[in-house]
Structures are given as C-alpha cells and as structure tokens.
Protein backbone atom coordinates (compact mmCIF):
# COMPACT_ATOMS: atom_id res chain seq x y z
CA MET A 1 -17.00 28.59 -14.97
CA VAL A 2 -20.41 27.35 -13.85
CA THR A 3 -21.66 30.07 -11.51
CA GLU A 4 -25.09 28.91 -10.50
CA THR A 5 -27.33 25.90 -10.13
CA THR A 6 -30.75 25.46 -11.67
CA GLY A 7 -32.63 25.99 -8.41
CA LYS A 8 -32.83 28.38 -5.47
CA ILE A 9 -29.34 27.73 -4.07
CA THR A 10 -26.63 29.48 -6.06
CA PHE A 11 -23.16 28.09 -6.63
CA ASP A 12 -21.59 30.79 -4.46
CA GLN A 13 -23.75 29.75 -1.49
CA VAL A 14 -22.47 26.18 -1.45
CA GLU A 15 -19.91 25.54 1.29
CA ARG A 16 -16.47 24.39 0.20
CA VAL A 17 -13.31 22.86 1.57
CA VAL A 18 -9.77 23.12 0.25
CA GLY A 19 -8.35 19.76 -0.77
CA GLN A 20 -5.31 18.49 -2.63
CA ILE A 21 -5.96 16.70 -5.91
CA GLY A 22 -3.34 15.10 -8.14
CA PHE A 23 -3.23 15.99 -11.83
CA ALA A 24 -1.21 14.99 -14.87
CA PRO A 25 1.73 17.23 -15.87
CA GLU A 26 0.63 20.35 -17.70
CA GLU A 27 3.49 20.65 -20.19
CA ASP A 28 3.41 18.69 -23.46
CA SER A 29 6.09 16.01 -23.57
CA ASP A 30 6.57 12.35 -24.35
CA ASP A 31 5.79 11.59 -20.71
CA THR A 32 2.38 13.28 -20.89
CA GLN A 33 1.44 11.33 -24.00
CA ARG A 34 1.70 8.02 -22.17
CA ILE A 35 0.97 8.27 -18.46
CA HIS A 36 2.21 5.20 -16.61
CA TRP A 37 0.62 3.19 -13.82
CA THR A 38 3.31 4.41 -11.41
CA LEU A 39 2.00 7.94 -11.86
CA PHE A 40 -1.62 6.86 -11.50
CA ARG A 41 -0.85 5.17 -8.17
CA THR A 42 0.91 8.30 -6.87
CA SER A 43 -0.43 11.79 -6.39
CA GLY A 44 0.64 13.10 -9.80
CA VAL A 45 1.16 16.86 -9.71
CA PRO A 46 -0.65 18.04 -6.53
CA ARG A 47 -2.81 21.17 -6.66
CA GLN A 48 -4.88 22.87 -3.99
CA VAL A 49 -8.49 22.94 -5.21
CA ASN A 50 -11.76 24.30 -3.86
CA ILE A 51 -14.13 21.34 -3.49
CA HIS A 52 -17.78 22.24 -2.99
CA ASP A 53 -20.22 20.31 -0.83
CA ALA A 54 -22.95 19.19 -3.23
CA ARG A 55 -25.24 17.86 -0.51
CA PRO A 56 -27.37 21.07 -0.31
CA ILE A 57 -27.97 20.96 -4.08
CA SER A 58 -28.26 17.17 -4.44
CA GLY A 59 -31.88 17.44 -5.59
CA GLU A 60 -30.87 19.63 -8.52
CA LEU A 61 -28.11 17.46 -9.99
CA SER A 62 -28.44 15.45 -13.20
CA LEU A 63 -26.49 12.58 -14.75
CA ASP A 64 -26.89 14.21 -18.15
CA ARG A 65 -25.76 17.66 -17.00
CA GLU A 66 -23.21 17.52 -14.16
CA GLY A 67 -22.70 13.77 -14.64
CA PHE A 68 -23.42 12.63 -11.08
CA VAL A 69 -26.26 12.39 -8.56
CA LEU A 70 -26.77 11.34 -4.94
CA VAL A 71 -29.38 8.66 -4.30
CA GLN A 72 -30.62 7.02 -1.12
CA HIS A 73 -31.23 3.29 -1.24
CA GLU A 74 -30.65 0.45 1.19
CA ILE A 75 -28.72 -2.58 -0.07
CA ALA A 76 -29.40 -5.65 2.06
CA ALA A 77 -26.05 -7.25 1.20
CA LEU A 78 -24.21 -4.52 3.10
CA THR A 79 -25.30 -6.11 6.36
CA GLU A 80 -23.29 -9.25 5.54
CA ARG A 81 -19.92 -7.86 4.41
CA GLU A 82 -18.40 -11.18 3.44
CA SER A 83 -16.46 -11.71 0.24
CA PRO A 84 -17.09 -13.17 -2.32
CA PRO A 85 -20.71 -13.98 -1.21
CA PHE A 86 -21.13 -10.36 -0.13
CA VAL A 87 -19.77 -9.05 -3.44
CA SER A 88 -22.00 -11.22 -5.63
CA LYS A 89 -25.14 -10.33 -3.67
CA TYR A 90 -24.18 -6.66 -3.62
CA ILE A 91 -23.64 -6.54 -7.38
CA GLU A 92 -26.91 -8.34 -8.03
CA GLU A 93 -28.85 -5.88 -5.87
CA MET A 94 -27.10 -2.84 -7.32
CA ALA A 95 -27.66 -4.00 -10.91
CA ALA A 96 -31.38 -4.41 -10.26
CA PHE A 97 -31.57 -1.01 -8.58
CA ILE A 98 -29.71 0.79 -11.38
CA LYS A 99 -31.84 -0.90 -14.05
CA ALA A 100 -35.03 0.29 -12.30
CA TYR A 101 -33.65 3.74 -11.38
CA LEU A 102 -32.61 4.54 -14.95
CA GLY A 103 -35.36 2.61 -16.72
CA ALA A 104 -32.73 0.61 -18.59
CA SER A 105 -33.36 -2.39 -20.83
CA TRP A 106 -30.53 -4.48 -19.38
CA VAL A 107 -27.45 -4.06 -17.18
CA VAL A 108 -24.10 -5.89 -17.32
CA PRO A 109 -21.41 -5.75 -14.59
CA TRP A 110 -18.04 -4.48 -15.77
CA VAL A 111 -15.16 -6.92 -16.16
CA ARG A 112 -11.43 -6.40 -16.63
CA ALA A 113 -9.59 -7.71 -19.65
CA GLY A 114 -8.49 -11.31 -19.19
CA GLU A 115 -10.74 -11.93 -16.18
CA LEU A 116 -13.44 -14.16 -17.61
CA GLY A 117 -14.10 -16.59 -14.75
CA GLU A 118 -17.35 -16.14 -12.82
CA ALA A 119 -15.63 -15.20 -9.54
CA ASN A 120 -13.35 -12.73 -11.30
CA VAL A 121 -16.26 -11.17 -13.16
CA LEU A 122 -17.97 -10.49 -9.85
CA LEU A 123 -14.91 -9.24 -8.02
CA SER A 124 -13.75 -7.00 -10.84
CA ALA A 125 -17.16 -5.38 -11.07
CA ALA A 126 -16.77 -4.14 -7.51
CA THR A 127 -13.74 -2.49 -5.93
CA LEU A 128 -13.45 -2.45 -2.16
CA ARG A 129 -11.13 0.32 -1.05
CA SER A 130 -9.62 1.19 2.29
CA ALA A 131 -7.48 4.08 3.47
CA ALA A 132 -5.60 1.73 5.79
CA ALA A 133 -1.90 1.31 5.18
CA GLY A 134 -1.09 -1.85 3.27
CA SER A 135 -4.57 -2.23 1.82
CA LYS A 136 -4.64 -3.95 -1.59
CA HIS A 137 -6.95 -1.30 -3.06
CA THR A 138 -6.41 2.23 -1.80
CA PRO A 139 -8.29 5.36 -2.94
CA ALA A 140 -7.01 6.61 -6.29
CA PRO A 141 -5.17 9.94 -5.76
CA LEU A 142 -5.11 11.16 -9.37
CA ALA A 143 -8.01 12.84 -11.19
CA HIS A 144 -9.14 10.43 -13.90
CA ILE A 145 -11.90 8.94 -16.04
CA ASP A 146 -11.75 5.14 -16.14
CA PHE A 147 -12.30 4.65 -19.88
CA SER A 148 -11.83 7.00 -22.79
CA SER A 149 -14.73 7.27 -25.22
CA LYS A 150 -12.60 5.61 -27.91
CA TYR A 151 -12.14 2.36 -26.00
CA ALA A 152 -15.23 2.10 -23.77
CA PRO A 153 -17.36 0.18 -26.34
CA ALA A 154 -14.67 -2.50 -26.67
CA VAL A 155 -14.54 -2.94 -22.89
CA ALA A 156 -18.35 -3.18 -22.80
CA ALA A 157 -18.26 -5.89 -25.47
CA LEU A 158 -15.75 -7.81 -23.36
CA ALA A 159 -18.09 -7.63 -20.37
CA ASN A 160 -20.95 -9.00 -22.47
CA ARG A 161 -18.76 -11.87 -23.65
CA ALA A 162 -17.67 -12.65 -20.09
CA HIS A 163 -21.31 -12.93 -19.04
CA GLY A 164 -22.30 -15.02 -22.05
CA ILE A 165 -24.47 -12.28 -23.54
CA SER A 166 -24.74 -12.34 -27.32
CA ARG A 167 -24.49 -9.21 -29.43
CA ARG A 168 -27.67 -7.18 -29.06
CA ALA A 169 -28.80 -3.94 -30.66
CA TYR A 170 -29.16 -0.87 -28.46
CA SER A 171 -29.88 2.82 -28.92
CA ARG A 172 -27.75 4.05 -26.03
CA MET A 173 -25.12 2.63 -23.67
CA MET A 174 -23.63 4.12 -20.52
CA LEU A 175 -21.03 3.12 -17.96
CA ILE A 176 -22.62 3.83 -14.59
CA GLN A 177 -20.48 3.76 -11.47
CA ALA A 178 -21.90 3.65 -7.94
CA TRP A 179 -19.80 4.70 -4.93
CA CYS A 180 -20.77 3.94 -1.34
CA ALA A 181 -18.93 4.73 1.91
CA LEU A 182 -18.80 1.75 4.26
CA SER A 183 -17.11 3.60 7.12
CA PRO A 184 -19.08 6.10 9.27
CA PRO A 185 -18.95 9.85 8.52
CA PRO A 186 -17.03 12.00 8.20
CA GLN A 187 -14.59 10.07 5.98
CA ASP A 188 -10.96 11.21 5.73
CA LEU A 189 -10.58 10.57 1.97
CA PRO A 190 -13.96 11.22 0.35
CA LEU A 191 -14.71 10.98 -3.35
CA ALA A 192 -14.39 14.20 -5.37
CA ILE A 193 -16.18 14.57 -8.72
CA ALA A 194 -15.82 17.27 -11.35
CA ASP A 195 -18.83 18.88 -12.98
CA GLY A 196 -18.56 17.43 -16.47
CA ARG A 197 -19.50 20.72 -18.09
CA THR A 198 -16.28 22.25 -16.72
CA VAL A 199 -13.90 19.60 -18.06
CA ALA A 200 -12.59 20.49 -21.52
CA ASP A 201 -11.25 18.05 -24.10
CA THR A 202 -7.87 19.76 -23.76
CA ASP A 203 -7.81 18.79 -20.05
CA LEU A 204 -7.72 15.08 -20.93
CA ILE A 205 -4.69 12.88 -21.55
CA GLU A 206 -5.13 9.30 -22.66
CA ASP A 207 -3.75 6.91 -20.02
CA TRP A 208 -2.76 3.44 -21.16
CA GLY A 209 -2.45 2.26 -17.57
CA ASP A 210 0.69 0.09 -17.59
CA HIS A 211 -0.38 -2.09 -14.69
CA PRO A 212 2.51 -4.32 -13.52
CA ASN A 213 0.25 -7.39 -13.26
CA ARG A 214 -1.43 -7.15 -16.68
CA LYS A 215 0.01 -6.95 -20.18
CA SER A 216 -2.44 -4.32 -21.39
CA VAL A 217 -5.34 -2.26 -20.14
CA SER A 218 -7.82 -0.28 -22.21
CA PRO A 219 -6.93 3.37 -21.75
CA GLY A 220 -8.84 5.94 -19.78
CA TRP A 221 -8.13 9.61 -19.26
CA VAL A 222 -6.14 11.47 -16.64
CA LEU A 223 -6.71 15.17 -16.15
CA ARG A 224 -4.57 18.24 -16.38
CA HIS A 225 -5.59 20.91 -13.90
CA SER A 226 -7.63 23.85 -15.18
CA PRO A 227 -9.00 26.79 -13.17
CA THR A 228 -12.32 26.38 -14.99
CA GLN A 229 -12.92 22.93 -13.48
CA VAL A 230 -15.50 22.83 -10.67
CA TRP A 231 -15.12 20.03 -8.11
CA TYR A 232 -17.71 18.63 -5.70
CA TYR A 233 -18.02 16.08 -2.92
CA PHE A 234 -20.82 14.95 -0.63
CA SER A 235 -20.19 15.49 3.06
CA ASN A 236 -20.98 12.86 5.69
CA MET A 237 -21.80 9.97 3.37
CA LYS A 238 -23.86 7.21 4.99
CA GLN A 239 -24.11 3.53 4.09
CA ASP A 240 -27.56 3.91 2.53
CA GLU A 241 -26.38 6.68 0.17
CA PHE A 242 -24.74 6.26 -3.21
CA ILE A 243 -22.97 8.63 -5.54
CA ILE A 244 -24.05 7.53 -9.01
CA PHE A 245 -21.83 8.92 -11.74
CA LYS A 246 -21.37 8.39 -15.45
CA GLY A 247 -18.09 7.05 -16.82
CA TYR A 248 -19.17 6.88 -20.46
CA ASP A 249 -22.17 7.68 -22.63
CA SER A 250 -22.62 6.66 -26.26
CA ASP A 251 -24.87 9.71 -26.66
CA GLU A 252 -22.21 12.37 -27.14
CA SER A 253 -24.75 15.16 -26.70
CA ARG A 254 -24.90 14.26 -22.97
CA ASN A 255 -22.21 14.74 -20.34
CA THR A 256 -19.49 12.11 -20.87
CA LYS A 257 -16.63 13.54 -18.79
CA CYS A 258 -17.30 12.71 -15.13
CA ALA A 259 -13.77 12.85 -13.71
CA HIS A 260 -13.22 11.71 -10.14
CA THR A 261 -10.59 11.04 -7.50
CA SER A 262 -10.09 10.97 -3.74
CA PHE A 263 -8.85 13.87 -1.64
CA ASP A 264 -7.63 14.29 1.92
CA ASN A 265 -10.31 16.13 3.92
CA ARG A 266 -8.61 15.99 7.33
CA ARG A 267 -7.89 19.71 7.19
CA ALA A 268 -11.64 20.27 7.63
CA PHE A 269 -12.20 17.16 9.80
CA PRO A 270 -8.99 16.30 11.74
CA ASN A 271 -10.66 13.33 13.46
CA ALA A 272 -12.29 11.93 10.32
CA THR A 273 -12.84 8.17 10.05
CA PRO A 274 -10.43 6.19 7.79
CA ARG A 275 -12.34 5.64 4.59
CA GLU A 276 -13.67 2.26 3.56
CA SER A 277 -15.80 2.20 0.44
CA ILE A 278 -17.12 0.08 -2.39
CA GLU A 279 -17.47 1.15 -6.00
CA THR A 280 -19.41 -0.88 -8.55
CA ARG A 281 -19.45 -0.42 -12.31
CA PHE A 282 -22.15 -1.42 -14.77
CA TRP A 283 -22.70 -1.17 -18.50
CA VAL A 284 -26.26 0.08 -18.88
CA TYR A 285 -28.17 -0.42 -22.13
CA PHE A 286 -31.32 1.08 -23.63
CA GLU A 287 -33.13 -0.52 -26.56
C-alpha cells in the first residue's frame, strides 16, 4: 500500500469517495484466461472501492511513478465540436501539445487494426463517450489497460504504417492517453485511475477482446481486484484540463501499468451532470 505522497499532503489527508468498479473474476478458470468482449462491456465483478481525489496532490504526480498527471491546456478545436472536422483538428492540436509537453521526437495517433483509411485513422485515435442511454460509445465499466506490453509494439507499428511512416529507430516509446471531460462538473461517471505502483503482475489477465464487429483485436489487460490497489480520480474536471496517463512504456523500469475505468459518483453528487468526454491516444517516440 502506498501510504504517502512525495510532498506536504499525505495520502491519508486526501479526500475520497466510495465508488463501484468492475473487475475480472478472481478465481482461476478457463473463463478468466480469455475474457470476452461481453464481459468488458458489462460491469464484470463489481466491488466497492475507495477512490481518492487526486486534485490536491496533482502537482506531485508523475507519469513515471503513479503513471498519470493532470495538466491544464486549452484546445481551440473544443470550441467547434463538429465531427470529423472537430476530431481531426483536436487530434492535431493534442499531438503537438503532447510532443512539446514530453519533449518527444515524434508522435503518431493510435489506429485500430484494419482501419487504415485517413478518416478512420483520425476517428479511431479519438473516442467520444457519453453517459446517455443509447450512445455508441459509453464509458468502460471494467478496470483495464488497453494494450498488454507483449502486443503494444505491434499495434504501434500498425499505426506507423497507417500514417505512412517508415520504420525508424527510437530509444523509448510510450502510449500516451489524454482524457478530457466535455460536460460541466461534477460529472456522474468520472475516470478512475490506479496508481501503477499498486498494480501487481498477478492482478492482470490478458484480454483478447472478442469484439463482435472485428475478427481480432490485440489484447490488453483486465484487472482482478486487490486490496493493495490505490485508485484516484480528479474532481470537477473542466474542459481545459486533461488527465494524461500512460498505457505502455518500452522502458520497463518506469511505470507501465496505468489501469483505468469509469465509476458512478452519484452517491457523492446526486445531481451530477451526465458525462461526455473525449479520450485521445498517441504513440510517443524518443530518439
């Protein structure tokens, strides 16, 4: 258990809410060795979890330690909110910001397998989610990591190919994901993120993601619950704030286990606003 931060505010002083998070089954069985898309789109095995408000300690967080940070930055494209022109402009602005923020050599938007057209590359690099009933993309209710470390490099290579980028040497590669709330605070289904130091290898189950509309998907991880895991969220997210978190890092000495999910926070805020959000994903390279 991580019991304190690196600064003046201790872990025990951070306010928390109780939220329900879905996890993979804890027992070992054939079902837990191959988690299906139907489970991923449901709540899994629900557990009541303390989720700490990281806003008071946001200045102390690190991508290479906890695996996530909060940054403030205005994206001009958010004033337009039209798709696909909005999406392409948003991705372009976010890629430039992330490249400058991290001092990266180059940045490539993520792309799903089989989606190699220009429009699909743009749309698959950004996921617009809504808590509204019937929405095409709803907040994911199961604790997960999008790509396992075994398959992430292959997915990155696919993204390079989709963007016409030839093979290029690098010293380090990361998957950086940026989450932004589009609806006003407080949101009913905010993003929860686990401190990567508290997620053990034994908590992870490889998920092959049997999506009904695709023949195959590179596997990620879903999480079993563990009492040693420490979960955070950021209260009252605004449109000029972004949760930047790491989905993969080729440098295995750094935090590479930034699990995340949504949770229902209406127990703390009964009149919370239905969540609308956008998440973008980028492969970030360093020479």
